[in-house]
């Protein structure tokens, strides 16, 4: 079973349209949802959680259609963290735990206390006095402490320093050691997605550009540097983007369609995304 199934989903707002989006999040995996600000990532997450209504298409979460009456129960098995943590400012972490005990049926106080300790979060400090990093860590501790099967994270590492981001990514890795757990992680920090994700979904201007296994993407694509006159030697269908400079050309290519005579350079996920968005096509 897939953790999330999205089929031909459309949503239109004034000046923006999410167009014909289809992909699945396999159970037990971490899928990265990447795209520039305004690409449609947050809109898609709202549609998944039924915080907004789609115009057409189908969405199933943990095997349940999110339009059905059963979806409200399924939400108990979903941990969600947005790009800002929204808790009452006067609450401490300890008091917040007591509130959440009456919110989630699978809430575990001991697990929550362990997360507070692991993340070095004070129990007696008011939420309004937390740093941004502490607020995000608290939101993630809450999301993990009601034993979810699925985490949906919208820019949960955005604006955090590298040390805090690594700490949080470690938590996500630990979560998916259980094969029944899955994560959909939206971020514009592509390096974070490359570190942790099994699959990548790339949305640009409301359109699905690619959905692929991360390792396969890194294996299939390469960057070659060459003179403008050498560009004609590469088949057109092998070139996915080019950048012309003063002294030559960089091209993102499909390795299998290019002669081994060309020297490849290491390709990162960020390279691939940038070429697909900004690179010219031959």
Protein backbone atom coordinates (compact mmCIF):
# COMPACT_ATOMS: atom_id res chain seq x y z
CA UNK A 1 0.00 0.00 0.00
CA UNK A 2 1.13 3.54 -0.73
CA UNK A 3 1.09 6.04 2.12
CA UNK A 4 -0.26 8.75 -0.21
CA UNK A 5 -1.81 8.40 -3.67
CA UNK A 6 -2.43 11.51 -5.76
CA UNK A 7 -4.16 11.17 -9.12
CA UNK A 8 -4.72 13.99 -11.63
CA UNK A 9 -5.23 16.66 -8.98
CA UNK A 10 -6.04 20.21 -10.07
CA UNK A 11 -6.57 23.39 -8.08
CA UNK A 12 -6.97 26.94 -9.38
CA UNK A 13 -6.55 30.18 -7.48
CA UNK A 14 -6.48 33.68 -8.99
CA UNK A 15 -3.11 33.89 -10.73
CA UNK A 16 -2.07 30.31 -9.96
CA UNK A 17 -2.98 26.80 -11.04
CA UNK A 18 -1.84 23.43 -9.75
CA UNK A 19 -2.13 21.27 -12.86
CA UNK A 20 -2.77 17.55 -13.22
CA UNK A 21 -0.52 16.38 -10.37
CA UNK A 22 -0.09 12.60 -10.01
CA UNK A 23 2.37 10.66 -7.84
CA UNK A 24 2.48 8.11 -5.01
CA UNK A 25 4.44 8.10 -1.75
CA UNK A 26 5.43 4.44 -1.21
CA UNK A 27 4.93 3.08 2.28
CA UNK A 28 8.15 3.03 4.29
CA UNK A 29 9.83 5.75 2.22
CA UNK A 30 10.82 9.40 2.50
CA UNK A 31 9.68 11.47 -0.46
CA UNK A 32 11.04 14.95 -1.01
CA UNK A 33 8.73 17.55 -2.49
CA UNK A 34 10.89 20.25 -4.06
CA UNK A 35 10.11 23.46 -5.87
CA UNK A 36 10.71 27.19 -5.64
CA UNK A 37 8.61 29.40 -3.39
CA UNK A 38 5.17 29.65 -4.98
CA UNK A 39 5.55 26.43 -6.97
CA UNK A 40 2.51 24.84 -5.31
CA UNK A 41 4.07 22.69 -2.56
CA UNK A 42 2.05 24.18 0.31
CA UNK A 43 -1.11 24.17 -1.79
CA UNK A 44 -0.65 20.46 -2.45
CA UNK A 45 -0.15 19.72 1.26
CA UNK A 46 -3.33 21.64 2.07
CA UNK A 47 -5.19 19.54 -0.49
CA UNK A 48 -3.79 16.31 0.98
CA UNK A 49 -4.91 17.30 4.48
CA UNK A 50 -8.28 18.58 3.21
CA UNK A 51 -7.46 22.08 4.46
CA UNK A 52 -8.43 23.18 0.94
CA UNK A 53 -10.73 21.58 -1.62
CA UNK A 54 -9.36 20.36 -4.94
CA UNK A 55 -11.12 21.19 -8.20
CA UNK A 56 -10.69 17.66 -9.55
CA UNK A 57 -8.71 14.46 -9.07
CA UNK A 58 -8.35 11.95 -6.24
CA UNK A 59 -6.25 11.83 -3.07
CA UNK A 60 -5.95 8.83 -0.74
CA UNK A 61 -3.98 8.90 2.52
CA UNK A 62 -3.08 5.68 4.34
CA UNK A 63 -5.56 3.86 2.12
CA UNK A 64 -8.48 6.23 2.77
CA UNK A 65 -9.99 8.72 0.32
CA UNK A 66 -9.52 12.13 1.92
CA UNK A 67 -13.04 13.11 0.85
CA UNK A 68 -14.57 10.28 2.90
CA UNK A 69 -16.00 10.49 6.41
CA UNK A 70 -13.24 8.13 7.62
CA UNK A 71 -10.51 10.66 6.87
CA UNK A 72 -11.05 12.54 10.15
CA UNK A 73 -10.05 9.36 12.00
CA UNK A 74 -7.03 8.80 9.75
CA UNK A 75 -5.72 12.24 10.73
CA UNK A 76 -4.90 10.74 14.13
CA UNK A 77 -2.20 8.71 12.33
CA UNK A 78 -0.68 11.74 10.60
CA UNK A 79 1.93 14.02 12.15
CA UNK A 80 2.07 17.39 10.42
CA UNK A 81 4.60 20.20 10.83
CA UNK A 82 4.28 23.48 8.94
CA UNK A 83 6.94 26.13 8.29
CA UNK A 84 5.85 27.90 11.49
CA UNK A 85 4.92 26.29 14.81
CA UNK A 86 1.54 27.55 16.01
CA UNK A 87 1.20 26.92 19.75
CA UNK A 88 -0.19 29.28 22.43
CA UNK A 89 2.67 31.59 23.37
CA UNK A 90 2.15 31.29 27.12
CA UNK A 91 2.35 27.48 27.19
CA UNK A 92 5.51 25.68 28.26
CA UNK A 93 6.55 22.40 26.68
CA UNK A 94 5.33 20.56 29.78
CA UNK A 95 1.87 22.18 29.67
CA UNK A 96 1.68 21.61 25.92
CA UNK A 97 2.20 17.88 26.50
CA UNK A 98 -0.79 17.83 28.86
CA UNK A 99 -2.96 19.51 26.21
CA UNK A 100 -1.83 17.08 23.52
CA UNK A 101 -2.61 14.12 25.79
CA UNK A 102 -6.28 15.01 25.35
CA UNK A 103 -5.93 15.74 21.62
CA UNK A 104 -4.41 12.52 20.27
CA UNK A 105 -5.68 9.08 21.23
CA UNK A 106 -2.23 7.48 20.83
CA UNK A 107 -0.31 10.19 22.69
CA UNK A 108 2.60 8.87 24.78
CA UNK A 109 3.89 11.10 27.59
CA UNK A 110 7.08 9.09 28.04
CA UNK A 111 7.91 9.32 24.34
CA UNK A 112 7.29 13.08 24.40
CA UNK A 113 9.58 13.50 27.42
CA UNK A 114 12.28 11.53 25.62
CA UNK A 115 12.05 13.83 22.62
CA UNK A 116 12.24 16.92 24.83
CA UNK A 117 15.38 15.51 26.41
CA UNK A 118 16.96 14.42 23.12
CA UNK A 119 16.29 17.83 21.55
CA UNK A 120 17.44 19.75 24.64
CA UNK A 121 14.10 21.54 24.96
CA UNK A 122 13.30 23.10 28.37
CA UNK A 123 10.03 21.96 29.91
CA UNK A 124 9.37 25.14 31.89
CA UNK A 125 10.10 27.87 29.34
CA UNK A 126 7.21 29.71 27.63
CA UNK A 127 6.83 29.03 23.92
CA UNK A 128 7.10 32.76 23.13
CA UNK A 129 10.65 32.73 24.48
CA UNK A 130 11.80 29.86 22.24
CA UNK A 131 14.14 30.51 19.32
CA UNK A 132 12.91 29.55 15.84
CA UNK A 133 14.98 26.37 15.98
CA UNK A 134 13.52 25.42 19.37
CA UNK A 135 9.98 26.09 18.13
CA UNK A 136 10.44 23.80 15.14
CA UNK A 137 12.00 21.08 17.28
CA UNK A 138 9.04 21.29 19.66
CA UNK A 139 6.58 21.00 16.75
CA UNK A 140 8.40 17.90 15.52
CA UNK A 141 8.49 16.40 19.04
CA UNK A 142 4.70 16.85 19.25
CA UNK A 143 4.18 15.37 15.78
CA UNK A 144 6.21 12.28 16.67
CA UNK A 145 4.78 11.71 20.15
CA UNK A 146 1.33 10.52 19.08
CA UNK A 147 2.85 7.58 17.19
CA UNK A 148 1.95 8.63 13.63
CA UNK A 149 2.31 6.35 10.62
CA UNK A 150 2.85 9.28 8.27
CA UNK A 151 4.69 12.58 8.68
CA UNK A 152 3.84 15.51 6.39
CA UNK A 153 6.38 18.30 6.73
CA UNK A 154 6.07 21.66 4.98
CA UNK A 155 9.41 23.51 5.04
CA UNK A 156 10.08 22.13 8.52
CA UNK A 157 13.84 22.81 8.21
CA UNK A 158 13.55 26.21 6.53
CA UNK A 159 15.47 29.03 8.22
CA UNK A 160 17.28 26.72 10.63
CA UNK A 161 21.04 26.56 11.04
CA UNK A 162 22.85 23.50 9.63
CA UNK A 163 23.43 21.90 13.06
CA UNK A 164 19.72 22.00 13.94
CA UNK A 165 18.75 20.78 10.46
CA UNK A 166 21.04 17.77 10.76
CA UNK A 167 19.59 16.98 14.19
CA UNK A 168 16.07 17.04 12.76
CA UNK A 169 16.99 14.96 9.70
CA UNK A 170 18.39 12.32 12.06
CA UNK A 171 14.98 12.16 13.75
CA UNK A 172 13.29 11.61 10.40
CA UNK A 173 15.73 8.82 9.53
CA UNK A 174 15.01 7.14 12.86
CA UNK A 175 11.26 7.42 12.24
CA UNK A 176 11.41 5.55 8.93
CA UNK A 177 13.43 2.66 10.34
CA UNK A 178 9.96 1.28 10.95
CA UNK A 179 8.89 0.02 7.50
CA UNK A 180 5.29 1.04 8.19
CA UNK A 181 6.27 4.72 8.56
CA UNK A 182 6.45 7.22 5.69
CA UNK A 183 7.37 10.89 5.23
CA UNK A 184 6.43 13.56 2.71
CA UNK A 185 8.99 16.34 3.20
CA UNK A 186 8.51 19.63 1.36
CA UNK A 187 11.58 21.84 1.17
CA UNK A 188 13.42 24.26 -1.07
CA UNK A 189 16.68 23.24 0.66
CA UNK A 190 17.63 20.65 -1.94
CA UNK A 191 20.76 19.51 -0.07
CA UNK A 192 18.57 18.32 2.83
CA UNK A 193 16.43 16.28 0.45
CA UNK A 194 19.49 14.74 -1.18
CA UNK A 195 20.74 13.60 2.24
CA UNK A 196 17.59 11.87 3.39
CA UNK A 197 15.06 11.15 0.64
CA UNK A 198 14.36 7.94 -1.26
CA UNK A 199 12.22 9.65 -3.90
CA UNK A 200 11.98 13.17 -5.32
CA UNK A 201 8.93 14.99 -6.66
CA UNK A 202 9.74 18.26 -8.41
CA UNK A 203 6.98 20.82 -8.97
CA UNK A 204 7.60 24.01 -10.92
CA UNK A 205 4.98 26.73 -11.47
CA UNK A 206 2.18 24.34 -10.54
CA UNK A 207 3.31 21.56 -12.88
CA UNK A 208 4.86 18.18 -12.10
CA UNK A 209 8.31 18.13 -13.71
CA UNK A 210 9.54 14.78 -12.42
CA UNK A 211 8.92 12.03 -9.88
CA UNK A 212 11.80 9.60 -9.54
CA UNK A 213 13.97 7.61 -7.16
CA UNK A 214 16.70 9.94 -5.92
CA UNK A 215 19.56 7.50 -6.54
CA UNK A 216 18.29 6.80 -10.04
CA UNK A 217 18.19 10.53 -10.80
CA UNK A 218 21.78 10.96 -9.65
CA UNK A 219 22.80 7.96 -11.73
CA UNK A 220 20.92 8.91 -14.92
CA UNK A 221 21.92 12.56 -15.19
CA UNK A 222 25.36 14.11 -15.66
CA UNK A 223 26.89 17.48 -16.46
CA UNK A 224 29.33 17.86 -19.33
CA UNK A 225 31.43 20.93 -20.13
CA UNK A 226 32.29 21.52 -23.76
CA UNK A 227 32.79 24.08 -26.46
CA UNK A 228 29.81 25.49 -28.34
CA UNK A 229 30.98 23.71 -31.49
CA UNK A 230 30.91 20.35 -29.65
CA UNK A 231 27.27 20.71 -28.62
CA UNK A 232 26.07 19.42 -32.00
CA UNK A 233 27.74 16.08 -31.25
CA UNK A 234 25.25 15.37 -28.45
CA UNK A 235 21.82 14.04 -29.48
CA UNK A 236 19.03 16.55 -28.86
CA UNK A 237 16.98 14.10 -26.81
CA UNK A 238 19.96 13.61 -24.47
CA UNK A 239 20.09 17.28 -23.46
CA UNK A 240 17.80 18.38 -20.65
CA UNK A 241 19.25 21.85 -20.17
CA UNK A 242 22.22 23.98 -21.13
CA UNK A 243 24.01 27.00 -19.69
CA UNK A 244 26.07 29.07 -22.09
CA UNK A 245 29.07 30.92 -20.73
CA UNK A 246 31.75 33.13 -22.18
CA UNK A 247 34.14 30.25 -22.82
CA UNK A 248 31.83 27.32 -23.45
CA UNK A 249 28.71 25.41 -22.49
CA UNK A 250 27.56 23.28 -19.56
CA UNK A 251 24.89 20.73 -20.41
CA UNK A 252 22.72 18.49 -18.25
CA UNK A 253 22.50 15.22 -20.14
CA UNK A 254 21.15 11.70 -19.88
CA UNK A 255 24.25 9.53 -19.55
CA UNK A 256 22.94 6.56 -21.49
CA UNK A 257 22.37 8.69 -24.60
CA UNK A 258 25.79 10.35 -24.66
CA UNK A 259 29.06 8.94 -25.94
CA UNK A 260 31.52 7.77 -23.30
CA UNK A 261 34.06 10.04 -25.00
CA UNK A 262 32.58 12.97 -23.10
CA UNK A 263 33.87 13.57 -19.58
CA UNK A 264 31.10 13.70 -16.97
CA UNK A 265 31.16 15.79 -13.82
CA UNK A 266 29.56 14.87 -10.51
CA UNK A 267 25.90 15.86 -10.51
CA UNK A 268 24.02 16.85 -7.38
CA UNK A 269 20.26 16.94 -6.99
CA UNK A 270 20.49 20.72 -6.82
CA UNK A 271 22.36 20.80 -10.17
CA UNK A 272 19.60 18.74 -11.78
CA UNK A 273 16.82 20.94 -10.39
CA UNK A 274 18.52 24.19 -11.41
CA UNK A 275 19.22 22.97 -14.93
CA UNK A 276 15.67 21.76 -15.39
CA UNK A 277 14.28 25.14 -14.27
CA UNK A 278 16.82 27.64 -15.59
CA UNK A 279 18.76 25.84 -18.27
CA UNK A 280 17.97 26.58 -21.89
CA UNK A 281 16.97 23.70 -24.15
CA UNK A 282 19.04 23.10 -27.24
